[in-house]
Amino acid sequence: MNLAKISSNGQITIPVEIRRLLGLKSGDKILFFRKRNGEIVISNASAQAIRRAQAAFAGAAETIGLSGEDDVQALVDEVRYGRA
């Protein structure tokens, strides 16, 4: 079990083990959210944003006909050089 103390101005120090588990480093932002059962969960906000973006783009490559790394590179080249 990890324990943190709240300072008089509401700050806490997240125990090193928890920071490692969440992949947190100095300057990172953390996200607090409440689950339906009332439990409060903390999460690495950057990692959460990446997971949401990945979910939002799920299936997009197949929809536009990208089937591999070469297709992605060709699209990047087209956008980068074809519209200049």
PDB file of N, CA and C in Angstrom:
ATOM      1  N   MET A   1       0.847  -1.169   0.000  1.00  0.00           N
ATOM      2  CA  MET A   1       0.000   0.000   0.000  1.00  0.00           C
ATOM      3  C   MET A   1       0.892   1.230   0.000  1.00  0.00           C
ATOM      4  N   ASN A   2       0.516   2.237  -0.764  1.00  0.00           N
ATOM      5  CA  ASN A   2       1.234   3.500  -0.811  1.00  0.00           C
ATOM      6  C   ASN A   2       0.365   4.581  -0.205  1.00  0.00           C
ATOM      7  N   LEU A   3       0.990   5.454   0.555  1.00  0.00           N
ATOM      8  CA  LEU A   3       0.274   6.486   1.275  1.00  0.00           C
ATOM      9  C   LEU A   3       0.888   7.838   0.934  1.00  0.00           C
ATOM     10  N   ALA A   4       0.033   8.856   0.754  1.00  0.00           N
ATOM     11  CA  ALA A   4       0.508  10.213   0.501  1.00  0.00           C
ATOM     12  C   ALA A   4      -0.211  11.156   1.452  1.00  0.00           C
ATOM     13  N   LYS A   5       0.482  12.187   1.864  1.00  0.00           N
ATOM     14  CA  LYS A   5      -0.074  13.173   2.786  1.00  0.00           C
ATOM     15  C   LYS A   5      -0.407  14.444   2.008  1.00  0.00           C
ATOM     16  N   ILE A   6      -1.538  15.061   2.319  1.00  0.00           N
ATOM     17  CA  ILE A   6      -1.945  16.303   1.667  1.00  0.00           C
ATOM     18  C   ILE A   6      -1.381  17.475   2.463  1.00  0.00           C
ATOM     19  N   SER A   7      -0.708  18.391   1.761  1.00  0.00           N
ATOM     20  CA  SER A   7      -0.153  19.575   2.427  1.00  0.00           C
ATOM     21  C   SER A   7      -1.274  20.570   2.719  1.00  0.00           C
ATOM     22  N   SER A   8      -0.949  21.630   3.448  1.00  0.00           N
ATOM     23  CA  SER A   8      -1.955  22.626   3.814  1.00  0.00           C
ATOM     24  C   SER A   8      -2.538  23.347   2.593  1.00  0.00           C
ATOM     25  N   ASN A   9      -1.808  23.365   1.481  1.00  0.00           N
ATOM     26  CA  ASN A   9      -2.354  24.003   0.273  1.00  0.00           C
ATOM     27  C   ASN A   9      -2.860  22.981  -0.750  1.00  0.00           C
ATOM     28  N   GLY A  10      -3.114  21.748  -0.292  1.00  0.00           N
ATOM     29  CA  GLY A  10      -3.761  20.733  -1.130  1.00  0.00           C
ATOM     30  C   GLY A  10      -2.848  19.933  -2.031  1.00  0.00           C
ATOM     31  N   GLN A  11      -1.555  20.059  -1.885  1.00  0.00           N
ATOM     32  CA  GLN A  11      -0.619  19.319  -2.726  1.00  0.00           C
ATOM     33  C   GLN A  11      -0.268  17.972  -2.103  1.00  0.00           C
ATOM     34  N   ILE A  12       0.033  17.014  -2.982  1.00  0.00           N
ATOM     35  CA  ILE A  12       0.495  15.706  -2.519  1.00  0.00           C
ATOM     36  C   ILE A  12       1.752  15.330  -3.298  1.00  0.00           C
ATOM     37  N   THR A  13       2.533  14.450  -2.715  1.00  0.00           N
ATOM     38  CA  THR A  13       3.657  13.852  -3.412  1.00  0.00           C
ATOM     39  C   THR A  13       3.256  12.423  -3.734  1.00  0.00           C
ATOM     40  N   ILE A  14       3.252  12.095  -5.012  1.00  0.00           N
ATOM     41  CA  ILE A  14       2.869  10.751  -5.434  1.00  0.00           C
ATOM     42  C   ILE A  14       4.058   9.827  -5.168  1.00  0.00           C
ATOM     43  N   PRO A  15       3.833   8.739  -4.442  1.00  0.00           N
ATOM     44  CA  PRO A  15       4.935   7.816  -4.140  1.00  0.00           C
ATOM     45  C   PRO A  15       5.644   7.332  -5.404  1.00  0.00           C
ATOM     46  N   VAL A  16       6.942   7.135  -5.302  1.00  0.00           N
ATOM     47  CA  VAL A  16       7.765   6.759  -6.448  1.00  0.00           C
ATOM     48  C   VAL A  16       7.241   5.498  -7.144  1.00  0.00           C
ATOM     49  N   GLU A  17       6.794   4.510  -6.401  1.00  0.00           N
ATOM     50  CA  GLU A  17       6.287   3.274  -7.011  1.00  0.00           C
ATOM     51  C   GLU A  17       5.084   3.556  -7.904  1.00  0.00           C
ATOM     52  N   ILE A  18       4.205   4.430  -7.458  1.00  0.00           N
ATOM     53  CA  ILE A  18       3.015   4.775  -8.243  1.00  0.00           C
ATOM     54  C   ILE A  18       3.422   5.580  -9.471  1.00  0.00           C
ATOM     55  N   ARG A  19       4.375   6.511  -9.314  1.00  0.00           N
ATOM     56  CA  ARG A  19       4.853   7.281 -10.470  1.00  0.00           C
ATOM     57  C   ARG A  19       5.433   6.356 -11.526  1.00  0.00           C
ATOM     58  N   ARG A  20       6.168   5.357 -11.076  1.00  0.00           N
ATOM     59  CA  ARG A  20       6.742   4.398 -12.042  1.00  0.00           C
ATOM     60  C   ARG A  20       5.647   3.600 -12.739  1.00  0.00           C
ATOM     61  N   LEU A  21       4.676   3.136 -11.980  1.00  0.00           N
ATOM     62  CA  LEU A  21       3.594   2.350 -12.572  1.00  0.00           C
ATOM     63  C   LEU A  21       2.804   3.145 -13.611  1.00  0.00           C
ATOM     64  N   LEU A  22       2.621   4.435 -13.355  1.00  0.00           N
ATOM     65  CA  LEU A  22       1.862   5.291 -14.270  1.00  0.00           C
ATOM     66  C   LEU A  22       2.741   5.917 -15.351  1.00  0.00           C
ATOM     67  N   GLY A  23       4.047   5.717 -15.250  1.00  0.00           N
ATOM     68  CA  GLY A  23       4.960   6.312 -16.228  1.00  0.00           C
ATOM     69  C   GLY A  23       5.014   7.826 -16.118  1.00  0.00           C
ATOM     70  N   LEU A  24       4.903   8.355 -14.894  1.00  0.00           N
ATOM     71  CA  LEU A  24       4.894   9.796 -14.682  1.00  0.00           C
ATOM     72  C   LEU A  24       6.298  10.339 -14.461  1.00  0.00           C
ATOM     73  N   LYS A  25       6.521  11.527 -14.987  1.00  0.00           N
ATOM     74  CA  LYS A  25       7.781  12.229 -14.735  1.00  0.00           C
ATOM     75  C   LYS A  25       7.457  13.679 -14.416  1.00  0.00           C
ATOM     76  N   SER A  26       8.439  14.414 -13.966  1.00  0.00           N
ATOM     77  CA  SER A  26       8.253  15.805 -13.575  1.00  0.00           C
ATOM     78  C   SER A  26       7.596  16.600 -14.699  1.00  0.00           C
ATOM     79  N   GLY A  27       6.578  17.361 -14.359  1.00  0.00           N
ATOM     80  CA  GLY A  27       5.871  18.182 -15.338  1.00  0.00           C
ATOM     81  C   GLY A  27       4.670  17.511 -15.975  1.00  0.00           C
ATOM     82  N   ASP A  28       4.546  16.193 -15.835  1.00  0.00           N
ATOM     83  CA  ASP A  28       3.394  15.493 -16.397  1.00  0.00           C
ATOM     84  C   ASP A  28       2.116  15.921 -15.687  1.00  0.00           C
ATOM     85  N   LYS A  29       1.015  15.755 -16.382  1.00  0.00           N
ATOM     86  CA  LYS A  29      -0.291  16.030 -15.792  1.00  0.00           C
ATOM     87  C   LYS A  29      -0.971  14.706 -15.501  1.00  0.00           C
ATOM     88  N   ILE A  30      -1.747  14.697 -14.423  1.00  0.00           N
ATOM     89  CA  ILE A  30      -2.497  13.491 -14.091  1.00  0.00           C
ATOM     90  C   ILE A  30      -3.981  13.801 -14.160  1.00  0.00           C
ATOM     91  N   LEU A  31      -4.731  12.788 -14.477  1.00  0.00           N
ATOM     92  CA  LEU A  31      -6.168  12.892 -14.644  1.00  0.00           C
ATOM     93  C   LEU A  31      -6.842  12.153 -13.498  1.00  0.00           C
ATOM     94  N   PHE A  32      -7.819  12.794 -12.868  1.00  0.00           N
ATOM     95  CA  PHE A  32      -8.617  12.165 -11.824  1.00  0.00           C
ATOM     96  C   PHE A  32     -10.014  11.955 -12.385  1.00  0.00           C
ATOM     97  N   PHE A  33     -10.546  10.760 -12.246  1.00  0.00           N
ATOM     98  CA  PHE A  33     -11.938  10.569 -12.637  1.00  0.00           C
ATOM     99  C   PHE A  33     -12.627   9.614 -11.677  1.00  0.00           C
ATOM    100  N   ARG A  34     -13.929   9.791 -11.592  1.00  0.00           N
ATOM    101  CA  ARG A  34     -14.738   9.004 -10.661  1.00  0.00           C
ATOM    102  C   ARG A  34     -15.478   7.921 -11.428  1.00  0.00           C
ATOM    103  N   LYS A  35     -15.329   6.695 -10.974  1.00  0.00           N
ATOM    104  CA  LYS A  35     -16.031   5.574 -11.580  1.00  0.00           C
ATOM    105  C   LYS A  35     -17.454   5.525 -11.039  1.00  0.00           C
ATOM    106  N   ARG A  36     -18.299   4.776 -11.694  1.00  0.00           N
ATOM    107  CA  ARG A  36     -19.710   4.686 -11.289  1.00  0.00           C
ATOM    108  C   ARG A  36     -19.886   4.197  -9.857  1.00  0.00           C
ATOM    109  N   ASN A  37     -18.957   3.385  -9.390  1.00  0.00           N
ATOM    110  CA  ASN A  37     -19.054   2.856  -8.028  1.00  0.00           C
ATOM    111  C   ASN A  37     -18.520   3.844  -6.984  1.00  0.00           C
ATOM    112  N   GLY A  38     -18.105   5.050  -7.424  1.00  0.00           N
ATOM    113  CA  GLY A  38     -17.609   6.073  -6.521  1.00  0.00           C
ATOM    114  C   GLY A  38     -16.104   6.084  -6.351  1.00  0.00           C
ATOM    115  N   GLU A  39     -15.440   5.066  -6.832  1.00  0.00           N
ATOM    116  CA  GLU A  39     -13.992   4.979  -6.722  1.00  0.00           C
ATOM    117  C   GLU A  39     -13.334   6.077  -7.562  1.00  0.00           C
ATOM    118  N   ILE A  40     -12.295   6.712  -7.017  1.00  0.00           N
ATOM    119  CA  ILE A  40     -11.547   7.735  -7.737  1.00  0.00           C
ATOM    120  C   ILE A  40     -10.293   7.079  -8.313  1.00  0.00           C
ATOM    121  N   VAL A  41     -10.043   7.315  -9.581  1.00  0.00           N
ATOM    122  CA  VAL A  41      -8.913   6.715 -10.285  1.00  0.00           C
ATOM    123  C   VAL A  41      -8.010   7.837 -10.765  1.00  0.00           C
ATOM    124  N   ILE A  42      -6.696   7.640 -10.668  1.00  0.00           N
ATOM    125  CA  ILE A  42      -5.762   8.590 -11.264  1.00  0.00           C
ATOM    126  C   ILE A  42      -5.082   7.912 -12.449  1.00  0.00           C
ATOM    127  N   SER A  43      -4.807   8.719 -13.463  1.00  0.00           N
ATOM    128  CA  SER A  43      -4.233   8.196 -14.689  1.00  0.00           C
ATOM    129  C   SER A  43      -3.255   9.217 -15.254  1.00  0.00           C
ATOM    130  N   ASN A  44      -2.282   8.750 -15.999  1.00  0.00           N
ATOM    131  CA  ASN A  44      -1.367   9.617 -16.715  1.00  0.00           C
ATOM    132  C   ASN A  44      -2.177  10.273 -17.836  1.00  0.00           C
ATOM    133  N   ALA A  45      -2.373  11.592 -17.779  1.00  0.00           N
ATOM    134  CA  ALA A  45      -3.226  12.291 -18.738  1.00  0.00           C
ATOM    135  C   ALA A  45      -2.712  12.150 -20.166  1.00  0.00           C
ATOM    136  N   SER A  46      -1.398  12.171 -20.361  1.00  0.00           N
ATOM    137  CA  SER A  46      -0.835  12.033 -21.708  1.00  0.00           C
ATOM    138  C   SER A  46      -1.134  10.659 -22.286  1.00  0.00           C
ATOM    139  N   ALA A  47      -0.941   9.635 -21.478  1.00  0.00           N
ATOM    140  CA  ALA A  47      -1.214   8.273 -21.941  1.00  0.00           C
ATOM    141  C   ALA A  47      -2.701   8.107 -22.243  1.00  0.00           C
ATOM    142  N   GLN A  48      -3.549   8.692 -21.424  1.00  0.00           N
ATOM    143  CA  GLN A  48      -4.992   8.618 -21.639  1.00  0.00           C
ATOM    144  C   GLN A  48      -5.369   9.292 -22.961  1.00  0.00           C
ATOM    145  N   ALA A  49      -4.768  10.437 -23.249  1.00  0.00           N
ATOM    146  CA  ALA A  49      -5.055  11.159 -24.495  1.00  0.00           C
ATOM    147  C   ALA A  49      -4.630  10.327 -25.702  1.00  0.00           C
ATOM    148  N   ILE A  50      -3.487   9.665 -25.595  1.00  0.00           N
ATOM    149  CA  ILE A  50      -3.021   8.822 -26.696  1.00  0.00           C
ATOM    150  C   ILE A  50      -3.982   7.656 -26.917  1.00  0.00           C
ATOM    151  N   ARG A  51      -4.429   7.028 -25.830  1.00  0.00           N
ATOM    152  CA  ARG A  51      -5.377   5.912 -25.970  1.00  0.00           C
ATOM    153  C   ARG A  51      -6.681   6.365 -26.622  1.00  0.00           C
ATOM    154  N   ARG A  52      -7.156   7.549 -26.253  1.00  0.00           N
ATOM    155  CA  ARG A  52      -8.392   8.079 -26.865  1.00  0.00           C
ATOM    156  C   ARG A  52      -8.200   8.353 -28.351  1.00  0.00           C
ATOM    157  N   ALA A  53      -7.049   8.926 -28.698  1.00  0.00           N
ATOM    158  CA  ALA A  53      -6.767   9.202 -30.109  1.00  0.00           C
ATOM    159  C   ALA A  53      -6.678   7.905 -30.904  1.00  0.00           C
ATOM    160  N   GLN A  54      -6.023   6.900 -30.335  1.00  0.00           N
ATOM    161  CA  GLN A  54      -5.921   5.617 -31.022  1.00  0.00           C
ATOM    162  C   GLN A  54      -7.308   5.019 -31.243  1.00  0.00           C
ATOM    163  N   ALA A  55      -8.156   5.099 -30.242  1.00  0.00           N
ATOM    164  CA  ALA A  55      -9.513   4.567 -30.376  1.00  0.00           C
ATOM    165  C   ALA A  55     -10.290   5.330 -31.437  1.00  0.00           C
ATOM    166  N   ALA A  56     -10.113   6.644 -31.490  1.00  0.00           N
ATOM    167  CA  ALA A  56     -10.830   7.465 -32.466  1.00  0.00           C
ATOM    168  C   ALA A  56     -10.415   7.132 -33.894  1.00  0.00           C
ATOM    169  N   PHE A  57      -9.150   6.763 -34.083  1.00  0.00           N
ATOM    170  CA  PHE A  57      -8.648   6.459 -35.415  1.00  0.00           C
ATOM    171  C   PHE A  57      -8.718   4.973 -35.772  1.00  0.00           C
ATOM    172  N   ALA A  58      -9.234   4.165 -34.872  1.00  0.00           N
ATOM    173  CA  ALA A  58      -9.314   2.727 -35.135  1.00  0.00           C
ATOM    174  C   ALA A  58     -10.079   2.468 -36.430  1.00  0.00           C
ATOM    175  N   GLY A  59      -9.475   1.735 -37.331  1.00  0.00           N
ATOM    176  CA  GLY A  59     -10.118   1.381 -38.596  1.00  0.00           C
ATOM    177  C   GLY A  59      -9.949   2.405 -39.704  1.00  0.00           C
ATOM    178  N   ALA A  60      -9.403   3.578 -39.393  1.00  0.00           N
ATOM    179  CA  ALA A  60      -9.271   4.641 -40.395  1.00  0.00           C
ATOM    180  C   ALA A  60      -8.331   4.240 -41.530  1.00  0.00           C
ATOM    181  N   ALA A  61      -7.238   3.565 -41.201  1.00  0.00           N
ATOM    182  CA  ALA A  61      -6.277   3.170 -42.236  1.00  0.00           C
ATOM    183  C   ALA A  61      -6.931   2.260 -43.268  1.00  0.00           C
ATOM    184  N   GLU A  62      -7.686   1.304 -42.781  1.00  0.00           N
ATOM    185  CA  GLU A  62      -8.353   0.389 -43.700  1.00  0.00           C
ATOM    186  C   GLU A  62      -9.391   1.124 -44.547  1.00  0.00           C
ATOM    187  N   THR A  63     -10.083   2.073 -43.952  1.00  0.00           N
ATOM    188  CA  THR A  63     -11.123   2.827 -44.652  1.00  0.00           C
ATOM    189  C   THR A  63     -10.557   3.593 -45.837  1.00  0.00           C
ATOM    190  N   ILE A  64      -9.341   4.148 -45.684  1.00  0.00           N
ATOM    191  CA  ILE A  64      -8.768   4.909 -46.796  1.00  0.00           C
ATOM    192  C   ILE A  64      -7.786   4.087 -47.628  1.00  0.00           C
ATOM    193  N   GLY A  65      -7.729   2.788 -47.376  1.00  0.00           N
ATOM    194  CA  GLY A  65      -6.954   1.887 -48.213  1.00  0.00           C
ATOM    195  C   GLY A  65      -5.484   1.739 -47.868  1.00  0.00           C
ATOM    196  N   LEU A  66      -5.105   2.056 -46.653  1.00  0.00           N
ATOM    197  CA  LEU A  66      -3.712   1.873 -46.246  1.00  0.00           C
ATOM    198  C   LEU A  66      -3.554   0.478 -45.669  1.00  0.00           C
ATOM    199  N   SER A  67      -2.609  -0.280 -46.240  1.00  0.00           N
ATOM    200  CA  SER A  67      -2.457  -1.652 -45.764  1.00  0.00           C
ATOM    201  C   SER A  67      -1.078  -1.944 -45.191  1.00  0.00           C
ATOM    202  N   GLY A  68      -0.188  -0.973 -45.232  1.00  0.00           N
ATOM    203  CA  GLY A  68       1.139  -1.220 -44.690  1.00  0.00           C
ATOM    204  C   GLY A  68       1.948   0.045 -44.580  1.00  0.00           C
ATOM    205  N   GLU A  69       3.163  -0.121 -44.104  1.00  0.00           N
ATOM    206  CA  GLU A  69       4.059   1.006 -43.872  1.00  0.00           C
ATOM    207  C   GLU A  69       4.366   1.770 -45.159  1.00  0.00           C
ATOM    208  N   ASP A  70       4.503   1.053 -46.264  1.00  0.00           N
ATOM    209  CA  ASP A  70       4.787   1.721 -47.546  1.00  0.00           C
ATOM    210  C   ASP A  70       3.632   2.623 -47.964  1.00  0.00           C
ATOM    211  N   ASP A  71       2.402   2.178 -47.734  1.00  0.00           N
ATOM    212  CA  ASP A  71       1.234   3.002 -48.060  1.00  0.00           C
ATOM    213  C   ASP A  71       1.199   4.270 -47.212  1.00  0.00           C
ATOM    214  N   VAL A  72       1.534   4.131 -45.942  1.00  0.00           N
ATOM    215  CA  VAL A  72       1.553   5.289 -45.046  1.00  0.00           C
ATOM    216  C   VAL A  72       2.622   6.276 -45.497  1.00  0.00           C
ATOM    217  N   GLN A  73       3.821   5.774 -45.828  1.00  0.00           N
ATOM    218  CA  GLN A  73       4.891   6.660 -46.278  1.00  0.00           C
ATOM    219  C   GLN A  73       4.510   7.360 -47.577  1.00  0.00           C
ATOM    220  N   ALA A  74       3.862   6.656 -48.483  1.00  0.00           N
ATOM    221  CA  ALA A  74       3.424   7.270 -49.743  1.00  0.00           C
ATOM    222  C   ALA A  74       2.415   8.389 -49.480  1.00  0.00           C
ATOM    223  N   LEU A  75       1.513   8.188 -48.554  1.00  0.00           N
ATOM    224  CA  LEU A  75       0.535   9.217 -48.208  1.00  0.00           C
ATOM    225  C   LEU A  75       1.227  10.424 -47.585  1.00  0.00           C
ATOM    226  N   VAL A  76       2.170  10.180 -46.688  1.00  0.00           N
ATOM    227  CA  VAL A  76       2.918  11.279 -46.065  1.00  0.00           C
ATOM    228  C   VAL A  76       3.661  12.071 -47.136  1.00  0.00           C
ATOM    229  N   ASP A  77       4.315  11.374 -48.064  1.00  0.00           N
ATOM    230  CA  ASP A  77       5.047  12.047 -49.142  1.00  0.00           C
ATOM    231  C   ASP A  77       4.101  12.863 -50.020  1.00  0.00           C
ATOM    232  N   GLU A  78       2.953  12.309 -50.311  1.00  0.00           N
ATOM    233  CA  GLU A  78       1.964  13.019 -51.129  1.00  0.00           C
ATOM    234  C   GLU A  78       1.495  14.310 -50.453  1.00  0.00           C
ATOM    235  N   VAL A  79       1.212  14.209 -49.182  1.00  0.00           N
ATOM    236  CA  VAL A  79       0.764  15.393 -48.443  1.00  0.00           C
ATOM    237  C   VAL A  79       1.899  16.404 -48.312  1.00  0.00           C
ATOM    238  N   ARG A  80       3.076  15.903 -47.989  1.00  0.00           N
ATOM    239  CA  ARG A  80       4.224  16.780 -47.755  1.00  0.00           C
ATOM    240  C   ARG A  80       4.674  17.490 -49.026  1.00  0.00           C
ATOM    241  N   TYR A  81       4.757  16.782 -50.137  1.00  0.00           N
ATOM    242  CA  TYR A  81       5.334  17.346 -51.352  1.00  0.00           C
ATOM    243  C   TYR A  81       4.298  17.650 -52.422  1.00  0.00           C
ATOM    244  N   GLY A  82       3.191  16.961 -52.439  1.00  0.00           N
ATOM    245  CA  GLY A  82       2.191  17.126 -53.487  1.00  0.00           C
ATOM    246  C   GLY A  82       1.354  18.389 -53.356  1.00  0.00           C
ATOM    247  N   ARG A  83       1.290  18.952 -52.161  1.00  0.00           N
ATOM    248  CA  ARG A  83       0.446  20.134 -51.954  1.00  0.00           C
ATOM    249  C   ARG A  83       1.266  21.402 -51.727  1.00  0.00           C
ATOM    250  N   ALA A  84       2.568  21.313 -51.921  1.00  0.00           N
ATOM    251  CA  ALA A  84       3.428  22.478 -51.653  1.00  0.00           C
ATOM    252  C   ALA A  84       3.272  23.548 -52.702  1.00  0.00           C
TER     253      ALA A  84
END
